[in-house]
Protein backbone atom coordinates (compact mmCIF):
# COMPACT_ATOMS: atom_id res chain seq x y z
CA UNK A 1 6.83 33.34 -4.96
CA UNK A 2 10.58 33.22 -4.44
CA UNK A 3 11.91 29.98 -2.95
CA UNK A 4 14.71 30.21 -0.41
CA UNK A 5 16.67 27.09 -1.37
CA UNK A 6 18.76 27.22 1.81
CA UNK A 7 15.68 26.01 3.67
CA UNK A 8 14.99 22.24 3.20
CA UNK A 9 11.20 22.69 3.18
CA UNK A 10 11.34 25.28 0.42
CA UNK A 11 13.89 23.24 -1.53
CA UNK A 12 11.42 20.34 -1.44
CA UNK A 13 8.65 22.66 -2.60
CA UNK A 14 10.80 23.86 -5.50
CA UNK A 15 11.26 20.20 -6.48
CA UNK A 16 7.52 19.58 -6.27
CA UNK A 17 6.90 18.22 -9.81
CA UNK A 18 10.03 16.07 -9.65
CA UNK A 19 9.04 14.58 -6.29
CA UNK A 20 5.51 13.97 -7.58
CA UNK A 21 6.86 11.90 -10.46
CA UNK A 22 9.39 10.05 -8.26
CA UNK A 23 6.85 9.30 -5.53
CA UNK A 24 4.27 8.12 -8.04
CA UNK A 25 6.89 5.93 -9.73
CA UNK A 26 7.73 4.31 -6.39
CA UNK A 27 4.07 3.50 -5.76
CA UNK A 28 3.68 2.11 -9.27
CA UNK A 29 6.80 0.01 -8.76
CA UNK A 30 5.14 -1.63 -5.76
CA UNK A 31 1.96 -2.13 -7.78
CA UNK A 32 3.91 -3.60 -10.71
CA UNK A 33 5.72 -6.10 -8.50
CA UNK A 34 2.64 -7.02 -6.45
CA UNK A 35 0.96 -9.15 -9.10
CA UNK A 36 2.20 -11.86 -11.43
CA UNK A 37 3.54 -10.72 -14.79
CA UNK A 38 0.94 -10.62 -17.54
CA UNK A 39 0.07 -8.54 -20.55
CA UNK A 40 -3.02 -7.15 -18.84
CA UNK A 41 -1.01 -6.12 -15.80
CA UNK A 42 1.69 -4.33 -17.79
CA UNK A 43 -1.07 -2.54 -19.73
CA UNK A 44 -2.65 -1.28 -16.50
CA UNK A 45 0.72 -0.12 -15.17
CA UNK A 46 1.36 1.67 -18.47
CA UNK A 47 -1.96 3.49 -18.42
CA UNK A 48 -1.39 4.58 -14.81
CA UNK A 49 2.10 5.75 -15.79
CA UNK A 50 0.64 7.93 -18.55
CA UNK A 51 -1.82 9.39 -16.05
CA UNK A 52 1.03 10.16 -13.65
CA UNK A 53 2.95 11.94 -16.42
CA UNK A 54 -0.12 14.04 -17.22
CA UNK A 55 -0.52 15.01 -13.54
CA UNK A 56 3.18 15.96 -13.47
CA UNK A 57 2.75 18.08 -16.61
CA UNK A 58 -0.10 19.91 -14.89
CA UNK A 59 2.11 20.52 -11.84
CA UNK A 60 4.92 21.85 -14.04
CA UNK A 61 2.45 24.09 -15.86
CA UNK A 62 1.15 25.41 -12.53
CA UNK A 63 4.67 26.31 -11.38
CA UNK A 64 5.35 28.04 -14.69
CA UNK A 65 2.01 29.91 -14.59
CA UNK A 66 2.66 31.17 -11.07
CA UNK A 67 6.07 32.46 -12.14
CA UNK A 68 7.96 30.87 -9.26
CA UNK A 69 11.60 31.89 -8.85
CA UNK A 70 14.39 30.93 -6.45
CA UNK A 71 17.47 32.31 -4.81
CA UNK A 72 20.83 31.00 -5.95
CA UNK A 73 21.07 27.36 -4.97
CA UNK A 74 21.62 23.83 -6.19
CA UNK A 75 18.58 23.85 -8.50
CA UNK A 76 17.08 26.38 -10.88
CA UNK A 77 13.48 27.55 -10.82
CA UNK A 78 12.91 29.17 -14.20
CA UNK A 79 11.09 28.77 -17.50
CA UNK A 80 14.03 26.93 -19.10
CA UNK A 81 13.48 24.15 -16.59
CA UNK A 82 9.72 24.09 -17.03
CA UNK A 83 9.64 23.94 -20.81
CA UNK A 84 12.36 21.27 -20.83
CA UNK A 85 10.34 19.25 -18.30
CA UNK A 86 7.21 19.52 -20.45
CA UNK A 87 9.05 18.29 -23.55
CA UNK A 88 10.59 15.39 -21.62
CA UNK A 89 7.19 14.39 -20.22
CA UNK A 90 5.65 14.52 -23.71
CA UNK A 91 8.41 12.19 -24.91
CA UNK A 92 7.74 9.86 -21.97
CA UNK A 93 4.00 9.74 -22.63
CA UNK A 94 4.64 8.97 -26.29
CA UNK A 95 7.12 6.24 -25.41
CA UNK A 96 4.80 4.55 -22.91
CA UNK A 97 1.91 4.74 -25.38
CA UNK A 98 3.97 3.00 -28.07
CA UNK A 99 5.21 0.47 -25.52
CA UNK A 100 1.65 -0.61 -24.69
CA UNK A 101 1.25 -1.96 -28.23
CA UNK A 102 4.87 -2.98 -28.72
CA UNK A 103 5.16 -4.98 -25.48
CA UNK A 104 2.01 -6.93 -26.28
CA UNK A 105 3.36 -7.87 -29.71
CA UNK A 106 6.82 -8.81 -28.46
CA UNK A 107 5.67 -10.64 -25.34
CA UNK A 108 7.33 -8.21 -22.89
CA UNK A 109 5.16 -8.58 -19.80
CA UNK A 110 7.00 -6.87 -16.88
CA UNK A 111 5.06 -3.82 -15.77
CA UNK A 112 8.32 -2.44 -14.39
CA UNK A 113 9.20 -1.44 -17.97
CA UNK A 114 6.95 1.60 -17.67
CA UNK A 115 8.16 2.43 -14.17
CA UNK A 116 11.76 2.47 -15.41
CA UNK A 117 10.73 5.08 -17.96
CA UNK A 118 9.24 7.20 -15.15
CA UNK A 119 12.41 6.87 -13.06
CA UNK A 120 14.58 7.79 -16.04
CA UNK A 121 12.40 10.83 -16.69
CA UNK A 122 12.67 11.93 -13.07
CA UNK A 123 16.45 11.84 -13.48
CA UNK A 124 16.10 13.95 -16.62
CA UNK A 125 13.98 16.50 -14.79
CA UNK A 126 16.69 16.71 -12.13
CA UNK A 127 19.19 17.35 -14.93
CA UNK A 128 17.06 20.15 -16.36
CA UNK A 129 16.93 21.78 -12.90
CA UNK A 130 20.55 21.17 -11.89
CA UNK A 131 22.65 24.19 -10.97
CA UNK A 132 25.36 22.20 -9.24
CA UNK A 133 27.76 19.60 -10.61
CA UNK A 134 26.81 17.14 -7.86
CA UNK A 135 23.14 17.41 -8.82
CA UNK A 136 24.13 16.92 -12.48
CA UNK A 137 25.85 13.67 -11.53
CA UNK A 138 22.85 12.46 -9.52
CA UNK A 139 20.48 13.22 -12.39
CA UNK A 140 22.67 11.49 -14.96
CA UNK A 141 23.01 8.37 -12.83
CA UNK A 142 19.28 8.13 -12.10
CA UNK A 143 18.56 8.53 -15.80
CA UNK A 144 21.32 6.26 -17.09
CA UNK A 145 20.85 3.27 -14.79
CA UNK A 146 17.17 3.03 -15.72
CA UNK A 147 17.92 3.34 -19.45
CA UNK A 148 20.66 0.68 -19.28
CA UNK A 149 18.02 -1.78 -18.06
CA UNK A 150 15.46 -0.63 -20.63
CA UNK A 151 17.83 -1.25 -23.54
CA UNK A 152 18.22 -4.90 -22.50
CA UNK A 153 14.66 -5.45 -21.30
CA UNK A 154 13.79 -7.77 -24.19
CA UNK A 155 15.60 -10.88 -23.01
CA UNK A 156 14.50 -12.88 -26.05
CA UNK A 157 16.95 -11.25 -28.47
CA UNK A 158 20.74 -11.20 -28.55
CA UNK A 159 20.70 -7.75 -30.16
CA UNK A 160 19.08 -6.28 -27.07
CA UNK A 161 21.68 -7.80 -24.74
CA UNK A 162 24.53 -6.67 -26.99
CA UNK A 163 23.21 -3.11 -27.17
CA UNK A 164 22.70 -2.98 -23.39
CA UNK A 165 26.22 -4.15 -22.53
CA UNK A 166 27.83 -1.74 -24.99
CA UNK A 167 25.72 1.12 -23.71
CA UNK A 168 26.48 0.23 -20.09
CA UNK A 169 30.26 -0.05 -20.56
CA UNK A 170 30.65 3.15 -22.54
CA UNK A 171 28.12 4.93 -20.33
CA UNK A 172 30.14 4.04 -17.24
CA UNK A 173 33.29 5.17 -19.06
CA UNK A 174 31.72 8.56 -19.85
CA UNK A 175 30.52 8.94 -16.26
CA UNK A 176 34.12 8.56 -15.13
CA UNK A 177 35.03 11.53 -17.33
CA UNK A 178 32.22 13.59 -15.82
CA UNK A 179 33.27 12.71 -12.28
CA UNK A 180 36.93 13.42 -12.89
CA UNK A 181 36.06 16.69 -14.62
CA UNK A 182 33.87 17.67 -11.68
CA UNK A 183 36.70 16.89 -9.25
CA UNK A 184 39.18 19.00 -11.23
CA UNK A 185 36.78 21.95 -11.54
CA UNK A 186 36.16 21.76 -7.79
CA UNK A 187 39.89 21.56 -7.15
CA UNK A 188 40.51 24.68 -9.23
CA UNK A 189 37.59 26.81 -8.05
CA UNK A 190 36.61 25.36 -4.67
CA UNK A 191 32.96 25.19 -5.75
CA UNK A 192 30.49 22.92 -7.56
CA UNK A 193 27.62 25.42 -7.78
CA UNK A 194 27.49 26.97 -11.26
CA UNK A 195 27.19 30.58 -10.11
CA UNK A 196 29.92 30.16 -7.49
CA UNK A 197 32.22 28.59 -10.07
CA UNK A 198 31.74 31.59 -12.36
CA UNK A 199 32.30 34.08 -9.53
CA UNK A 200 35.45 32.31 -8.30
CA UNK A 201 36.90 32.19 -11.81
CA UNK A 202 36.48 35.96 -12.07
CA UNK A 203 37.56 36.75 -8.51
CA UNK A 204 40.74 34.69 -8.59
CA UNK A 205 41.55 35.13 -12.31
CA UNK A 206 41.46 31.40 -13.03
CA UNK A 207 40.95 31.74 -16.79
CA UNK A 208 44.37 30.19 -17.47
CA UNK A 209 44.34 27.63 -14.68
CA UNK A 210 45.57 24.33 -16.11
CA UNK A 211 43.57 22.36 -13.57
CA UNK A 212 40.36 24.14 -14.56
CA UNK A 213 40.98 23.77 -18.29
CA UNK A 214 41.60 20.03 -18.00
CA UNK A 215 38.44 19.72 -15.90
CA UNK A 216 36.41 21.53 -18.58
CA UNK A 217 37.88 19.24 -21.24
CA UNK A 218 36.82 16.21 -19.19
CA UNK A 219 33.29 17.60 -18.89
CA UNK A 220 33.12 18.15 -22.65
CA UNK A 221 34.11 14.51 -23.25
CA UNK A 222 31.60 13.24 -20.69
CA UNK A 223 28.72 15.23 -22.15
CA UNK A 224 29.89 14.28 -25.65
CA UNK A 225 29.26 10.63 -24.80
CA UNK A 226 25.84 11.36 -23.28
CA UNK A 227 24.57 13.29 -26.34
CA UNK A 228 26.23 10.85 -28.80
CA UNK A 229 28.41 13.51 -30.43
CA UNK A 230 31.18 12.29 -32.75
CA UNK A 231 33.72 10.85 -32.05
CA UNK A 232 32.00 9.73 -28.82
CA UNK A 233 29.03 8.19 -30.63
CA UNK A 234 30.28 4.60 -30.99
CA UNK A 235 27.67 3.14 -28.62
CA UNK A 236 24.64 4.74 -30.24
CA UNK A 237 24.00 2.67 -33.42
CA UNK A 238 24.19 -0.74 -31.70
CA UNK A 239 22.28 0.42 -28.62
CA UNK A 240 19.56 2.03 -30.75
CA UNK A 241 19.24 -1.04 -32.97
CA UNK A 242 19.16 -3.54 -30.10
CA UNK A 243 16.80 -1.66 -27.79
CA UNK A 244 13.02 -2.09 -28.06
CA UNK A 245 11.86 0.46 -30.65
CA UNK A 246 9.92 2.69 -28.18
CA UNK A 247 13.01 2.80 -25.96
CA UNK A 248 15.09 3.75 -29.00
CA UNK A 249 12.75 6.69 -29.60
CA UNK A 250 13.07 7.65 -25.94
CA UNK A 251 16.87 7.56 -26.07
CA UNK A 252 17.02 9.54 -29.30
CA UNK A 253 14.72 12.29 -28.02
CA UNK A 254 14.44 12.51 -24.23
CA UNK A 255 17.87 11.24 -23.12
CA UNK A 256 19.63 13.49 -25.60
CA UNK A 257 17.44 16.48 -24.71
CA UNK A 258 18.02 16.17 -20.96
CA UNK A 259 21.79 15.90 -21.37
CA UNK A 260 21.82 18.95 -23.62
CA UNK A 261 19.70 20.92 -21.13
CA UNK A 262 22.31 20.34 -18.41
CA UNK A 263 25.08 21.04 -20.93
CA UNK A 264 23.56 24.43 -21.85
CA UNK A 265 22.96 25.55 -18.29
CA UNK A 266 26.47 24.55 -17.19
CA UNK A 267 28.12 26.39 -20.05
CA UNK A 268 26.02 29.54 -19.83
CA UNK A 269 26.02 29.89 -16.05
CA UNK A 270 29.37 28.45 -14.94
CA UNK A 271 31.77 29.20 -17.80
CA UNK A 272 30.55 32.33 -19.65
CA UNK A 273 33.90 34.05 -19.02
CA UNK A 274 35.73 31.14 -20.66
CA UNK A 275 33.94 31.38 -24.00
CA UNK A 276 37.23 31.84 -25.82
CA UNK A 277 38.56 28.69 -24.13
CA UNK A 278 35.83 26.16 -24.90
CA UNK A 279 34.62 27.80 -28.12
CA UNK A 280 37.09 26.08 -30.46
CA UNK A 281 36.59 22.60 -28.98
CA UNK A 282 32.80 22.77 -29.26
CA UNK A 283 33.13 24.20 -32.79
CA UNK A 284 35.02 21.14 -33.98
CA UNK A 285 32.75 18.82 -32.02
CA UNK A 286 29.69 20.30 -33.75
CA UNK A 287 31.25 20.21 -37.21
CA UNK A 288 32.52 16.64 -36.88
CA UNK A 289 29.21 15.41 -35.47
CA UNK A 290 27.20 16.92 -38.33
CA UNK A 291 29.53 15.47 -40.96
CA UNK A 292 29.91 11.99 -39.46
CA UNK A 293 26.23 11.57 -38.60
CA UNK A 294 24.97 12.52 -42.06
CA UNK A 295 27.64 10.86 -44.16
CA UNK A 296 27.50 7.50 -42.37
CA UNK A 297 23.69 7.58 -42.39
CA UNK A 298 23.80 7.50 -46.20
CA UNK A 299 25.12 3.93 -46.08
CA UNK A 300 22.49 2.62 -43.63
CA UNK A 301 19.68 0.35 -44.81
CA UNK A 302 18.35 -0.66 -41.38
CA UNK A 303 15.73 1.93 -40.45
CA UNK A 304 16.71 2.01 -36.77
CA UNK A 305 20.42 2.45 -37.54
CA UNK A 306 19.53 5.12 -40.09
CA UNK A 307 17.56 7.03 -37.46
CA UNK A 308 20.40 6.46 -34.99
CA UNK A 309 22.89 8.24 -37.23
CA UNK A 310 20.25 10.85 -37.96
CA UNK A 311 20.08 11.42 -34.19
CA UNK A 312 23.85 11.86 -34.10
CA UNK A 313 23.62 14.46 -36.87
CA UNK A 314 20.93 16.36 -34.96
CA UNK A 315 23.20 16.42 -31.92
CA UNK A 316 25.61 18.34 -34.14
CA UNK A 317 22.92 20.85 -35.09
CA UNK A 318 22.10 21.43 -31.41
CA UNK A 319 25.82 21.86 -30.67
CA UNK A 320 25.75 24.80 -33.10
CA UNK A 321 23.21 26.48 -30.80
CA UNK A 322 25.46 25.70 -27.80
CA UNK A 323 28.48 27.12 -29.63
CA UNK A 324 26.76 30.51 -29.86
CA UNK A 325 27.12 30.84 -26.09
CA UNK A 326 24.15 33.17 -25.60
CA UNK A 327 20.55 33.04 -24.42
CA UNK A 328 19.49 33.24 -28.06
CA UNK A 329 21.30 29.96 -28.68
CA UNK A 330 19.61 28.26 -25.72
CA UNK A 331 16.15 29.45 -26.80
CA UNK A 332 16.91 28.06 -30.27
CA UNK A 333 17.79 24.79 -28.55
CA UNK A 334 14.41 24.64 -26.78
CA UNK A 335 12.56 25.25 -30.04
CA UNK A 336 14.69 22.66 -31.82
CA UNK A 337 14.24 20.12 -29.03
CA UNK A 338 10.46 20.39 -29.26
CA UNK A 339 10.41 19.96 -33.04
CA UNK A 340 12.97 17.15 -33.00
CA UNK A 341 11.15 15.29 -30.21
CA UNK A 342 7.84 15.30 -32.09
CA UNK A 343 9.46 14.18 -35.37
CA UNK A 344 11.46 11.44 -33.64
CA UNK A 345 8.48 10.08 -31.71
CA UNK A 346 6.42 10.06 -34.88
CA UNK A 347 9.07 8.33 -37.00
CA UNK A 348 9.63 5.58 -34.46
CA UNK A 349 5.88 5.33 -34.00
CA UNK A 350 5.60 4.38 -37.67
CA UNK A 351 8.41 1.83 -37.20
CA UNK A 352 6.46 0.31 -34.29
CA UNK A 353 3.22 0.34 -36.29
CA UNK A 354 4.82 -1.53 -39.22
CA UNK A 355 6.96 -3.87 -37.15
CA UNK A 356 6.45 -7.60 -36.75
CA UNK A 357 7.20 -9.86 -33.81
CA UNK A 358 10.98 -10.27 -33.58
CA UNK A 359 11.52 -7.06 -35.59
CA UNK A 360 12.72 -8.93 -38.66
CA UNK A 361 11.49 -6.23 -41.07
CA UNK A 362 13.70 -3.31 -40.10
CA UNK A 363 15.20 -2.88 -43.59
CA UNK A 364 14.20 0.30 -45.40
CA UNK A 365 13.36 -1.82 -48.45
CA UNK A 366 10.63 -3.50 -46.41
CA UNK A 367 8.72 -0.21 -46.69
CA UNK A 368 8.54 -0.46 -50.49
CA UNK A 369 5.09 0.37 -51.81
CA UNK A 370 3.77 1.31 -48.38
CA UNK A 371 1.69 4.01 -50.07
CA UNK A 372 -0.38 1.35 -51.80
CA UNK A 373 -1.30 -0.61 -48.66
CA UNK A 374 -1.05 1.86 -45.74
CA UNK A 375 -1.28 5.33 -47.33
CA UNK A 376 -1.89 7.08 -44.00
CA UNK A 377 1.30 5.73 -42.42
CA UNK A 378 3.25 6.51 -45.60
CA UNK A 379 2.12 10.15 -45.55
CA UNK A 380 2.87 10.45 -41.83
CA UNK A 381 6.36 8.98 -42.25
CA UNK A 382 6.99 11.39 -45.13
CA UNK A 383 6.06 14.30 -42.84
CA UNK A 384 8.49 13.08 -40.18
CA UNK A 385 11.33 12.56 -42.65
CA UNK A 386 10.80 16.02 -44.12
CA UNK A 387 10.61 17.55 -40.63
CA UNK A 388 13.94 15.94 -39.68
CA UNK A 389 15.36 17.17 -43.00
CA UNK A 390 14.13 20.71 -42.30
CA UNK A 391 12.11 20.91 -45.49
CA UNK A 392 9.89 24.01 -45.73
CA UNK A 393 6.08 23.75 -45.56
CA UNK A 394 5.75 19.95 -45.73
CA UNK A 395 8.37 19.55 -43.02
CA UNK A 396 6.31 21.81 -40.78
CA UNK A 397 8.04 22.99 -37.64
CA UNK A 398 11.26 21.17 -38.61
CA UNK A 399 12.15 23.91 -41.09
CA UNK A 400 11.78 26.67 -38.52
CA UNK A 401 13.83 24.69 -35.98
CA UNK A 402 16.88 24.71 -38.25
CA UNK A 403 16.22 28.28 -39.31
CA UNK A 404 16.18 29.38 -35.66
CA UNK A 405 19.55 27.68 -35.02
CA UNK A 406 21.00 29.31 -38.13
CA UNK A 407 19.69 32.69 -37.01
CA UNK A 408 21.33 32.27 -33.61
CA UNK A 409 24.62 31.25 -35.26
CA UNK A 410 24.66 34.17 -37.69
CA UNK A 411 23.85 36.71 -34.97
CA UNK A 412 26.73 35.60 -32.76
CA UNK A 413 28.96 38.66 -32.88
CA UNK A 414 31.44 37.53 -30.22
CA UNK A 415 32.46 34.61 -32.48
CA UNK A 416 30.68 34.74 -35.86
CA UNK A 417 29.58 31.25 -36.83
CA UNK A 418 29.37 31.73 -40.59
CA UNK A 419 31.47 28.68 -41.43
CA UNK A 420 29.60 26.50 -38.95
CA UNK A 421 26.30 27.71 -40.42
CA UNK A 422 27.54 26.76 -43.89
CA UNK A 423 28.47 23.28 -42.63
CA UNK A 424 24.99 22.96 -41.12
CA UNK A 425 23.35 23.85 -44.44
CA UNK A 426 25.61 21.58 -46.51
CA UNK A 427 25.17 18.59 -44.20
CA UNK A 428 21.41 19.17 -44.18
CA UNK A 429 21.52 18.90 -47.97
CA UNK A 430 23.51 15.66 -47.60
CA UNK A 431 20.86 14.33 -45.22
CA UNK A 432 18.31 14.58 -48.02
CA UNK A 433 20.06 11.55 -49.50
CA UNK A 434 18.71 9.24 -46.81
CA UNK A 435 15.55 11.03 -45.65
CA UNK A 436 14.19 11.33 -49.19
CA UNK A 437 15.33 7.79 -49.95
CA UNK A 438 12.88 6.54 -47.32
CA UNK A 439 10.13 8.65 -48.91
CA UNK A 440 11.06 7.40 -52.38
CA UNK A 441 10.92 3.75 -51.28
CA UNK A 442 7.46 4.20 -49.77
CA UNK A 443 5.91 6.06 -52.70
CA UNK A 444 7.84 5.03 -55.82
CA UNK A 445 9.09 1.46 -55.37
CA UNK A 446 6.64 -1.33 -56.20
CA UNK A 447 5.66 -3.68 -53.44
CA UNK A 448 6.88 -7.25 -53.81
CA UNK A 449 4.15 -9.79 -54.54
CA UNK A 450 5.37 -11.96 -51.67
CA UNK A 451 5.47 -9.11 -49.14
CA UNK A 452 3.23 -9.54 -46.11
CA UNK A 453 0.52 -6.97 -45.57
CA UNK A 454 1.33 -4.88 -42.48
CA UNK A 455 -1.02 -5.47 -39.59
CA UNK A 456 -3.19 -2.66 -38.33
CA UNK A 457 -1.38 -0.52 -35.78
CA UNK A 458 -2.60 -0.45 -32.21
CA UNK A 459 -4.65 2.51 -31.06
CA UNK A 460 -1.96 3.87 -28.74
CA UNK A 461 0.68 3.86 -31.48
CA UNK A 462 -1.71 5.48 -33.94
CA UNK A 463 -2.37 8.25 -31.41
CA UNK A 464 1.38 8.95 -31.18
CA UNK A 465 1.82 8.95 -34.96
CA UNK A 466 -1.12 11.18 -35.79
CA UNK A 467 -0.66 13.45 -32.79
CA UNK A 468 2.99 14.04 -33.70
CA UNK A 469 2.16 14.69 -37.36
CA UNK A 470 -0.60 17.15 -36.43
CA UNK A 471 1.64 19.09 -34.05
CA UNK A 472 4.44 19.29 -36.61
CA UNK A 473 2.16 20.61 -39.35
CA UNK A 474 0.02 22.94 -37.20
CA UNK A 475 2.98 24.64 -35.52
CA UNK A 476 4.71 24.72 -38.89
CA UNK A 477 1.93 27.11 -39.94
CA UNK A 478 1.86 29.01 -36.62
CA UNK A 479 5.36 28.85 -35.08
CA UNK A 480 5.29 32.29 -33.44
CA UNK A 481 3.73 31.11 -30.17
CA UNK A 482 6.51 28.60 -29.55
CA UNK A 483 9.20 31.03 -30.68
CA UNK A 484 8.07 33.74 -28.27
CA UNK A 485 7.77 31.26 -25.40
CA UNK A 486 11.22 29.75 -25.96
CA UNK A 487 12.74 33.22 -26.12
CA UNK A 488 11.34 33.91 -22.65
CA UNK A 489 12.59 30.55 -21.38
CA UNK A 490 16.34 30.73 -21.94
CA UNK A 491 18.63 30.48 -18.90
CA UNK A 492 19.44 33.89 -17.48
CA UNK A 493 22.87 35.04 -18.60
CA UNK A 494 24.39 37.75 -16.41
CA UNK A 495 24.90 40.77 -18.68
CA UNK A 496 28.28 41.33 -17.04
CA UNK A 497 29.52 38.06 -18.55
CA UNK A 498 27.39 37.75 -21.72
CA UNK A 499 29.09 38.06 -25.15
CA UNK A 500 28.95 41.62 -26.42
CA UNK A 501 27.69 42.98 -29.72
CA UNK A 502 29.55 45.60 -31.67
CA UNK A 503 27.53 48.25 -29.85
CA UNK A 504 28.52 46.88 -26.46
CA UNK A 505 25.05 45.56 -25.69
CA UNK A 506 24.70 42.03 -24.41
CA UNK A 507 23.31 39.70 -27.05
CA UNK A 508 20.31 38.06 -25.38
CA UNK A 509 16.90 37.05 -26.66
CA UNK A 510 14.00 39.38 -26.12
C-alpha cells in the first residue's frame, strides 16, 4: 500500500504505530494520576506500559511486513523508520523493566515515571519518521521535555536535581541552535521538507549560499548537543550520573539513537549535494568525539560517569558512519545502534542489580571480587564491556558493529576515510584501558572483608541482563540476518545525488 500523505486520513494511518503509543500513553497517564501514589500502583502502570510497547512493536512489525510506502511528504514510511522504531521500543521495554525494581528500592512511587518514558519514546518515533525540519523539532521537543523531567524524578537526591537543571539549560540552548538553523535553511531554500530542500538547492544553485551554510552549521551544533558529541558533551556526565540509573541507560541508548536517526535522514535526503561542504566539519566532530570520550573515560572511577564518557566515544564511532554519506553508512549505523543498545541496557542492568538504596556504591572498586559472590553478574558485565570494546568472539555482536562501520568508512570512495578509520581503531584500543579495568576489578581484585554482599537482583532486572547478554552472544555467532536486514533498511539515496565510485556507480548497500 502506498500512503498519500497529502490526505489527512492517510497521514494518520501512516502514523499508526506512533499514534497507538501516544494514545495508550495518554490513557495510562489518566490511570496513573487516578489513584494515590504507591509502589504497587507504579508497578501496575509499569507492567501496562511494557504491554503497550509490545503492542506497538507488533504494529510496527505489521507495517514493515506489509511493505507500506508513501509519497513524498512530512514523514517517511520505510524500513529505516521501522527498524529504528523497533530498537527504540526494545530500549524502552528494558528501561521500564529495570525501573520496576529500581523504583521500589529507591522509593520512587509516581506511576507517571513510566508514562514519561512512553511519551519520550513517541517523540523518538516521530524523529525516526521525520522528513521535515518542523517535524524534527516537534519530535525533539516531545522527547526532550519528558527526559528533562525523568532526569530529576528522584527528588530525594541533590545529584538528580543538579543533572536535570544542567540538562535542561543546555538542552534548551541546543534547541535554539536547531530552530535558528531551521529558520536559516528555510530562508535560503524556501522549504523545510528534506526532498524539497535538496531539489531547491540543485535548481537554484545554492551550494555556496552563505545563509544556507550558516544554517547547516547551526544544525550540526544542535544535533551535536543532542548526541553528546565533543565539544558539545558537557551536560552528559553530570546528567548521566544524577539521573536514576534506568533513565541513564535510556538516555545513553534510545535518546542518542533517535537523534542520530534524524541526523542521518536529514543529511542523506536534504544535503547530499553538499557533501563536500559538511564533510570536513563532521570529520573533525567524529575524530574529536572519539578521542575526548575515550581519553577522559580512562580517568573515571564512578561507573556511571565511565559509561557516560563511553557513550560519548560511541557517538564518535557512529559519526564515522554518518561521515561516509551513503546508504552503506546508514545501514552500518542501524547495525551499530542495535548492538550498542543491547550492550548499554545490559551494562546498566548490572549497575541496577548491584546498586543499593541511595546509590552510594557507584565506584568501580565496589565491584572488586564480584566473581566470588555473584559470578553470573560478573560474567554478564564482562560480556557487555567486551561488546562495547568491540572484542571478537566474547564481545559478540559488538565486534561486528565496529567492523561494519570500518567497512563503510573504507569503502567511501567519494572521500576515503582511511585516517578516520585509523583513529577509530586507535581509540578503540585506548578504550580497552577502562573496559578491561572493570573486568579486571571483578575477576582479579580480592573482595574486602568489610564489603556488603550484594542483594539478589529483582526478576525484571535479571531478565534485562540475561536477555541482553544472550542477544549479544547469539547474534555474535549469527550476525548475517541483522546485516542483511539493515542493508535493506537504509534511507533511500537518490542515485542522481549519491557519492560516486571510481566506476561512476552510486555507492549504496545491496
